[in-house]
C-alpha atoms as a PDB file:
ATOM      1  CA  MET A   1      -7.643 -26.871 -10.507  1.00  0.00           C
ATOM      2  CA  ALA A   2      -6.884 -30.480 -11.479  1.00  0.00           C
ATOM      3  CA  ARG A   3      -9.549 -30.372 -14.182  1.00  0.00           C
ATOM      4  CA  ASP A   4      -8.197 -27.043 -15.424  1.00  0.00           C
ATOM      5  CA  LEU A   5      -4.690 -28.475 -15.810  1.00  0.00           C
ATOM      6  CA  ASP A   6      -6.021 -31.368 -17.840  1.00  0.00           C
ATOM      7  CA  LEU A   7      -7.941 -28.992 -20.118  1.00  0.00           C
ATOM      8  CA  VAL A   8      -4.924 -26.718 -20.609  1.00  0.00           C
ATOM      9  CA  ARG A   9      -2.719 -29.675 -21.553  1.00  0.00           C
ATOM     10  CA  ALA A  10      -5.336 -30.971 -23.975  1.00  0.00           C
ATOM     11  CA  GLY A  11      -5.718 -27.498 -25.478  1.00  0.00           C
ATOM     12  CA  ALA A  12      -1.973 -27.194 -26.017  1.00  0.00           C
ATOM     13  CA  GLU A  13      -1.893 -30.558 -27.769  1.00  0.00           C
ATOM     14  CA  ALA A  14      -4.825 -29.584 -29.976  1.00  0.00           C
ATOM     15  CA  GLU A  15      -3.095 -26.339 -30.945  1.00  0.00           C
ATOM     16  CA  PHE A  16       0.480 -27.565 -31.435  1.00  0.00           C
ATOM     17  CA  GLY A  17       0.160 -31.319 -31.965  1.00  0.00           C
ATOM     18  CA  ARG A  18       1.448 -34.188 -29.877  1.00  0.00           C
ATOM     19  CA  LYS A  19       4.929 -33.523 -28.550  1.00  0.00           C
ATOM     20  CA  PRO A  20       6.957 -34.701 -25.559  1.00  0.00           C
ATOM     21  CA  THR A  21       5.499 -32.921 -22.543  1.00  0.00           C
ATOM     22  CA  ALA A  22       6.625 -32.244 -18.998  1.00  0.00           C
ATOM     23  CA  GLY A  23       4.430 -30.642 -16.373  1.00  0.00           C
ATOM     24  CA  LEU A  24       6.296 -28.354 -13.974  1.00  0.00           C
ATOM     25  CA  PHE A  25       4.139 -27.253 -11.044  1.00  0.00           C
ATOM     26  CA  HIS A  26       4.638 -25.512  -7.711  1.00  0.00           C
ATOM     27  CA  SER A  27       2.764 -25.681  -4.409  1.00  0.00           C
ATOM     28  CA  MET A  28      -1.021 -26.044  -4.880  1.00  0.00           C
ATOM     29  CA  SER A  29      -0.645 -26.477  -8.629  1.00  0.00           C
ATOM     30  CA  ALA A  30       1.700 -29.394  -7.870  1.00  0.00           C
ATOM     31  CA  GLN A  31      -1.051 -30.905  -5.743  1.00  0.00           C
ATOM     32  CA  ALA A  32      -3.521 -30.354  -8.581  1.00  0.00           C
ATOM     33  CA  ALA A  33      -1.133 -32.080 -10.991  1.00  0.00           C
ATOM     34  CA  MET A  34      -0.847 -35.048  -8.648  1.00  0.00           C
ATOM     35  CA  ILE A  35      -4.632 -35.326  -8.370  1.00  0.00           C
ATOM     36  CA  ALA A  36      -5.046 -35.042 -12.135  1.00  0.00           C
ATOM     37  CA  ALA A  37      -2.482 -37.769 -12.783  1.00  0.00           C
ATOM     38  CA  LEU A  38      -4.026 -40.096 -10.208  1.00  0.00           C
ATOM     39  CA  GLU A  39      -7.695 -39.510 -11.001  1.00  0.00           C
ATOM     40  CA  PHE A  40      -7.786 -38.624 -14.714  1.00  0.00           C
ATOM     41  CA  GLY A  41      -4.804 -40.620 -15.965  1.00  0.00           C
ATOM     42  CA  TRP A  42      -1.189 -39.992 -16.908  1.00  0.00           C
ATOM     43  CA  ARG A  43      -1.234 -37.130 -19.414  1.00  0.00           C
ATOM     44  CA  PHE A  44       2.319 -35.719 -19.325  1.00  0.00           C
ATOM     45  CA  ASP A  45       5.466 -37.665 -20.125  1.00  0.00           C
ATOM     46  CA  ALA A  46       6.978 -36.509 -16.825  1.00  0.00           C
ATOM     47  CA  LEU A  47       6.039 -34.415 -13.813  1.00  0.00           C
ATOM     48  CA  VAL A  48       8.225 -32.074 -11.766  1.00  0.00           C
ATOM     49  CA  LEU A  49       6.628 -31.159  -8.450  1.00  0.00           C
ATOM     50  CA  PHE A  50       8.057 -28.163  -6.622  1.00  0.00           C
ATOM     51  CA  ASP A  51       7.386 -28.331  -2.873  1.00  0.00           C
ATOM     52  CA  PRO A  52       3.720 -29.421  -2.812  1.00  0.00           C
ATOM     53  CA  PRO A  53       2.203 -28.580   0.607  1.00  0.00           C
ATOM     54  CA  ASN A  54       0.942 -32.111   1.213  1.00  0.00           C
ATOM     55  CA  ASN A  55      -0.360 -32.833   4.679  1.00  0.00           C
ATOM     56  CA  PRO A  56      -0.039 -36.376   6.074  1.00  0.00           C
ATOM     57  CA  ALA A  57      -2.681 -38.206   8.067  1.00  0.00           C
ATOM     58  CA  GLU A  58      -3.403 -37.812  11.769  1.00  0.00           C
ATOM     59  CA  GLY A  59      -0.628 -39.209  13.921  1.00  0.00           C
ATOM     60  CA  HIS A  60       2.211 -38.381  11.521  1.00  0.00           C
ATOM     61  CA  SER A  61       5.071 -36.478  13.107  1.00  0.00           C
ATOM     62  CA  VAL A  62       5.077 -33.643  10.553  1.00  0.00           C
ATOM     63  CA  ARG A  63       1.307 -33.079  10.525  1.00  0.00           C
ATOM     64  CA  PRO A  64       1.112 -30.598  13.444  1.00  0.00           C
ATOM     65  CA  ALA A  65       3.592 -28.245  11.787  1.00  0.00           C
ATOM     66  CA  MET A  66       1.776 -28.473   8.458  1.00  0.00           C
ATOM     67  CA  VAL A  67      -1.632 -27.825  10.021  1.00  0.00           C
ATOM     68  CA  LYS A  68      -0.251 -24.806  11.876  1.00  0.00           C
ATOM     69  CA  TYR A  69       1.324 -23.540   8.646  1.00  0.00           C
ATOM     70  CA  LEU A  70      -1.871 -23.929   6.628  1.00  0.00           C
ATOM     71  CA  ASN A  71      -3.939 -22.280   9.358  1.00  0.00           C
ATOM     72  CA  LEU A  72      -1.554 -19.323   9.397  1.00  0.00           C
ATOM     73  CA  LEU A  73      -1.884 -19.000   5.616  1.00  0.00           C
ATOM     74  CA  THR A  74      -5.666 -19.238   5.928  1.00  0.00           C
ATOM     75  CA  ASP A  75      -5.808 -16.337   8.386  1.00  0.00           C
ATOM     76  CA  TRP A  76      -3.232 -14.248   6.504  1.00  0.00           C
ATOM     77  CA  SER A  77      -4.872 -14.616   3.109  1.00  0.00           C
ATOM     78  CA  ALA A  78      -8.348 -13.842   4.447  1.00  0.00           C
ATOM     79  CA  SER A  79      -7.199 -10.439   5.684  1.00  0.00           C
ATOM     80  CA  ARG A  80      -4.327  -9.581   3.330  1.00  0.00           C
ATOM     81  CA  ARG A  81      -4.259  -6.271   1.553  1.00  0.00           C
ATOM     82  CA  ASP A  82      -6.043  -6.640  -1.774  1.00  0.00           C
ATOM     83  CA  ARG A  83      -5.750  -3.234  -3.487  1.00  0.00           C
ATOM     84  CA  PHE A  84      -2.613  -1.348  -4.546  1.00  0.00           C
ATOM     85  CA  ALA A  85      -1.799   1.847  -6.403  1.00  0.00           C
ATOM     86  CA  ASP A  86       0.627  -0.080  -8.627  1.00  0.00           C
ATOM     87  CA  PRO A  87       2.551  -3.381  -8.608  1.00  0.00           C
ATOM     88  CA  ASP A  88       5.612  -1.712  -7.076  1.00  0.00           C
ATOM     89  CA  GLU A  89       3.702  -1.377  -3.797  1.00  0.00           C
ATOM     90  CA  LEU A  90       3.171  -5.118  -3.574  1.00  0.00           C
ATOM     91  CA  ALA A  91       6.738  -5.750  -4.756  1.00  0.00           C
ATOM     92  CA  ARG A  92       8.022  -3.686  -1.827  1.00  0.00           C
ATOM     93  CA  ASP A  93       5.806  -5.668   0.539  1.00  0.00           C
ATOM     94  CA  TYR A  94       7.269  -8.909  -0.786  1.00  0.00           C
ATOM     95  CA  ALA A  95      10.829  -7.647  -0.441  1.00  0.00           C
ATOM     96  CA  ALA A  96      10.229  -6.733   3.200  1.00  0.00           C
ATOM     97  CA  THR A  97       9.186 -10.260   4.246  1.00  0.00           C
ATOM     98  CA  ARG A  98      11.552 -12.852   5.691  1.00  0.00           C
ATOM     99  CA  ALA A  99      11.035 -15.095   2.679  1.00  0.00           C
ATOM    100  CA  GLY A 100      11.165 -12.250   0.163  1.00  0.00           C
ATOM    101  CA  ARG A 101      14.610 -11.143   1.266  1.00  0.00           C
ATOM    102  CA  HIS A 102      16.006 -14.287  -0.357  1.00  0.00           C
ATOM    103  CA  TRP A 103      14.303 -13.892  -3.749  1.00  0.00           C
ATOM    104  CA  ALA A 104      16.362 -13.281  -6.870  1.00  0.00           C
ATOM    105  CA  PRO A 105      16.698  -9.629  -7.958  1.00  0.00           C
ATOM    106  CA  GLY A 106      13.771  -8.457 -10.069  1.00  0.00           C
ATOM    107  CA  SER A 107      11.443 -11.273  -9.059  1.00  0.00           C
ATOM    108  CA  HIS A 108       9.434  -9.187  -6.579  1.00  0.00           C
ATOM    109  CA  ARG A 109       8.059  -6.975  -9.340  1.00  0.00           C
ATOM    110  CA  GLN A 110       7.426  -9.959 -11.646  1.00  0.00           C
ATOM    111  CA  VAL A 111       5.424 -11.784  -8.998  1.00  0.00           C
ATOM    112  CA  ALA A 112       3.472  -8.645  -8.149  1.00  0.00           C
ATOM    113  CA  GLU A 113       2.520  -8.172 -11.805  1.00  0.00           C
ATOM    114  CA  ALA A 114       1.478 -11.820 -12.011  1.00  0.00           C
ATOM    115  CA  VAL A 115      -0.898 -11.750  -9.042  1.00  0.00           C
ATOM    116  CA  LEU A 116      -2.455  -8.312  -9.691  1.00  0.00           C
ATOM    117  CA  ARG A 117      -4.753  -6.951 -12.393  1.00  0.00           C
ATOM    118  CA  PRO A 118      -5.698  -3.347 -13.245  1.00  0.00           C
ATOM    119  CA  ASP A 119      -8.958  -2.174 -11.702  1.00  0.00           C
ATOM    120  CA  GLY A 120     -10.425   1.324 -11.678  1.00  0.00           C
ATOM    121  CA  GLY A 121      -7.143   3.197 -11.748  1.00  0.00           C
ATOM    122  CA  GLY A 122      -5.486   0.870  -9.242  1.00  0.00           C
ATOM    123  CA  TRP A 123      -4.572  -2.791  -9.022  1.00  0.00           C
ATOM    124  CA  VAL A 124      -6.336  -5.667  -7.232  1.00  0.00           C
ATOM    125  CA  LEU A 125      -5.544  -9.281  -6.495  1.00  0.00           C
ATOM    126  CA  ARG A 126      -6.475 -11.607  -9.347  1.00  0.00           C
ATOM    127  CA  CYS A 127      -7.413 -14.310  -6.849  1.00  0.00           C
ATOM    128  CA  PRO A 128      -9.992 -13.018  -4.333  1.00  0.00           C
ATOM    129  CA  ARG A 129      -8.931 -13.280  -0.712  1.00  0.00           C
ATOM    130  CA  ALA A 130     -11.791 -15.572   0.262  1.00  0.00           C
ATOM    131  CA  LEU A 131     -10.983 -18.017  -2.530  1.00  0.00           C
ATOM    132  CA  GLU A 132      -7.271 -18.144  -1.675  1.00  0.00           C
ATOM    133  CA  SER A 133      -8.089 -18.648   1.991  1.00  0.00           C
ATOM    134  CA  SER A 134     -10.489 -21.492   1.189  1.00  0.00           C
ATOM    135  CA  MET A 135      -7.768 -23.352  -0.715  1.00  0.00           C
ATOM    136  CA  TYR A 136      -5.519 -23.395   2.357  1.00  0.00           C
ATOM    137  CA  VAL A 137      -8.437 -24.713   4.425  1.00  0.00           C
ATOM    138  CA  GLN A 138      -8.946 -27.504   1.884  1.00  0.00           C
ATOM    139  CA  GLY A 139      -5.263 -28.387   2.115  1.00  0.00           C
ATOM    140  CA  ILE A 140      -5.669 -29.418   5.743  1.00  0.00           C
ATOM    141  CA  THR A 141      -8.069 -32.246   4.880  1.00  0.00           C
ATOM    142  CA  LEU A 142      -6.962 -33.068   1.335  1.00  0.00           C
ATOM    143  CA  GLY A 143      -5.325 -36.351   2.341  1.00  0.00           C
ATOM    144  CA  LEU A 144      -2.872 -36.367  -0.570  1.00  0.00           C
ATOM    145  CA  TRP A 145       0.029 -38.660   0.347  1.00  0.00           C
ATOM    146  CA  PRO A 146       0.571 -41.053  -2.600  1.00  0.00           C
ATOM    147  CA  LYS A 147       3.552 -43.255  -3.305  1.00  0.00           C
ATOM    148  CA  ALA A 148       5.623 -42.500  -6.396  1.00  0.00           C
ATOM    149  CA  SER A 149       4.669 -45.911  -7.761  1.00  0.00           C
ATOM    150  CA  ALA A 150       1.036 -44.753  -7.976  1.00  0.00           C
ATOM    151  CA  PHE A 151       1.961 -42.571 -10.955  1.00  0.00           C
ATOM    152  CA  ALA A 152       2.229 -44.087 -14.405  1.00  0.00           C
ATOM    153  CA  GLY A 153       5.369 -42.171 -15.338  1.00  0.00           C
ATOM    154  CA  PRO A 154       8.470 -40.444 -13.960  1.00  0.00           C
ATOM    155  CA  VAL A 155       7.999 -37.891 -11.182  1.00  0.00           C
ATOM    156  CA  LYS A 156      10.644 -35.614  -9.655  1.00  0.00           C
ATOM    157  CA  LEU A 157      10.075 -33.973  -6.266  1.00  0.00           C
ATOM    158  CA  ILE A 158      12.123 -30.795  -5.829  1.00  0.00           C
ATOM    159  CA  ALA A 159      11.560 -29.299  -2.407  1.00  0.00           C
ATOM    160  CA  ALA A 160      12.592 -26.752   0.166  1.00  0.00           C
ATOM    161  CA  ASP A 161      15.616 -27.569   2.298  1.00  0.00           C
ATOM    162  CA  PRO A 162      14.722 -29.472   5.510  1.00  0.00           C
ATOM    163  CA  ALA A 163      18.238 -28.811   6.857  1.00  0.00           C
ATOM    164  CA  ARG A 164      17.930 -25.021   6.603  1.00  0.00           C
ATOM    165  CA  GLU A 165      17.707 -23.104   9.874  1.00  0.00           C
ATOM    166  CA  ARG A 166      13.984 -22.566  10.633  1.00  0.00           C
ATOM    167  CA  ALA A 167      13.059 -24.899   7.795  1.00  0.00           C
ATOM    168  CA  ASP A 168       9.630 -24.377   6.259  1.00  0.00           C
ATOM    169  CA  PRO A 169       7.055 -27.018   7.284  1.00  0.00           C
ATOM    170  CA  THR A 170       6.703 -27.999   3.611  1.00  0.00           C
ATOM    171  CA  ALA A 171      10.389 -28.939   3.594  1.00  0.00           C
ATOM    172  CA  LEU A 172       9.804 -31.433   6.398  1.00  0.00           C
ATOM    173  CA  SER A 173       6.594 -32.699   4.789  1.00  0.00           C
ATOM    174  CA  ASN A 174       8.258 -33.347   1.439  1.00  0.00           C
ATOM    175  CA  GLN A 175      11.240 -35.014   3.061  1.00  0.00           C
ATOM    176  CA  ALA A 176       8.845 -37.438   4.767  1.00  0.00           C
ATOM    177  CA  LEU A 177       6.781 -37.916   1.591  1.00  0.00           C
ATOM    178  CA  ALA A 178       9.923 -38.722  -0.387  1.00  0.00           C
ATOM    179  CA  GLN A 179      11.221 -41.194   2.179  1.00  0.00           C
ATOM    180  CA  GLU A 180       7.905 -42.951   2.649  1.00  0.00           C
ATOM    181  CA  GLY A 181       6.774 -42.775  -0.975  1.00  0.00           C
ATOM    182  CA  GLY A 182       9.998 -43.651  -2.797  1.00  0.00           C
ATOM    183  CA  TYR A 183      10.249 -40.434  -4.806  1.00  0.00           C
ATOM    184  CA  ASP A 184      13.141 -39.177  -6.901  1.00  0.00           C
ATOM    185  CA  TYR A 185      13.762 -36.293  -4.503  1.00  0.00           C
ATOM    186  CA  LEU A 186      15.980 -33.230  -4.405  1.00  0.00           C
ATOM    187  CA  PRO A 187      15.921 -30.804  -1.471  1.00  0.00           C
ATOM    188  CA  MET A 188      17.215 -27.527  -2.902  1.00  0.00           C
ATOM    189  CA  PRO A 189      19.929 -26.372  -0.473  1.00  0.00           C
ATOM    190  CA  GLY A 190      19.253 -23.199   1.473  1.00  0.00           C
ATOM    191  CA  THR A 191      15.744 -22.624   0.164  1.00  0.00           C
ATOM    192  CA  GLY A 192      12.222 -22.342   1.497  1.00  0.00           C
ATOM    193  CA  HIS A 193       8.827 -22.938  -0.069  1.00  0.00           C
ATOM    194  CA  LEU A 194       9.398 -20.362  -2.836  1.00  0.00           C
ATOM    195  CA  LEU A 195      12.568 -22.073  -3.991  1.00  0.00           C
ATOM    196  CA  GLN A 196      12.256 -21.131  -7.684  1.00  0.00           C
ATOM    197  CA  LEU A 197      12.314 -17.456  -6.720  1.00  0.00           C
ATOM    198  CA  GLU A 198      15.287 -17.979  -4.428  1.00  0.00           C
ATOM    199  CA  LYS A 199      17.446 -20.155  -6.698  1.00  0.00           C
ATOM    200  CA  PRO A 200      15.953 -20.028 -10.201  1.00  0.00           C
ATOM    201  CA  ALA A 201      19.075 -21.158 -12.035  1.00  0.00           C
ATOM    202  CA  ALA A 202      19.668 -24.149  -9.748  1.00  0.00           C
ATOM    203  CA  CYS A 203      16.012 -25.192 -10.057  1.00  0.00           C
ATOM    204  CA  ALA A 204      16.171 -24.928 -13.841  1.00  0.00           C
ATOM    205  CA  ASP A 205      19.360 -27.014 -13.915  1.00  0.00           C
ATOM    206  CA  ALA A 206      17.723 -29.696 -11.766  1.00  0.00           C
ATOM    207  CA  VAL A 207      14.731 -29.848 -14.109  1.00  0.00           C
ATOM    208  CA  ARG A 208      16.915 -30.142 -17.205  1.00  0.00           C
ATOM    209  CA  GLU A 209      18.979 -32.911 -15.612  1.00  0.00           C
ATOM    210  CA  PHE A 210      15.841 -34.870 -14.708  1.00  0.00           C
ATOM    211  CA  LEU A 211      14.184 -34.430 -18.095  1.00  0.00           C
ATOM    212  CA  SER A 212      17.385 -35.425 -19.851  1.00  0.00           C
ATOM    213  CA  GLY A 213      17.622 -38.517 -17.698  1.00  0.00           C
ATOM    214  CA  VAL A 214      14.115 -39.657 -18.637  1.00  0.00           C
ATOM    215  CA  GLY A 215      14.670 -38.959 -22.323  1.00  0.00           C
ATOM    216  CA  ILE A 216      12.437 -35.916 -22.845  1.00  0.00           C
ATOM    217  CA  ILE A 217      15.225 -33.496 -23.749  1.00  0.00           C
END
């Protein structure tokens, strides 16, 4: 995924020319962006990382919750339903979940269309269950816990709310990462891991404020 991001950025530059660039990534793609920046070099002019599910080392106070969370996602994704008559079926499933009840109106259908593809008169998951499950397994041992100073440019960490009742484990992980790593950090009030779906306008405002502050817009 990290290599893919680097190729996509290079392809965009080849097509449109060199312009100010900001990489905005969520969850595993945020982890991939961090790896790319650390291992391949600083390619964007700024990075915005939305709630990466980073897992600290053994002995850290937030690790048990993160390991439990990633194991739950591993089991769920390995057995999740993978075929639907149409995207509305998956959209209804999303809306019925605890997290989905907080999504902005209309986003359930948009997400369903994004993760499904037509197949033989029905719709199937674009990402096979086994592949998705394997990515959560990898997250347990990834060991990605860098300091902000390790990046060669400005990085903003926008995360789920650690003060929310029944806060998501990623909210606690990112709070610890920000405190220990010296990140420019914003916990989005009242949100969980899918914060852009819950408060899209507030997330967009936070991005614009950050990019304006570092001179990109």
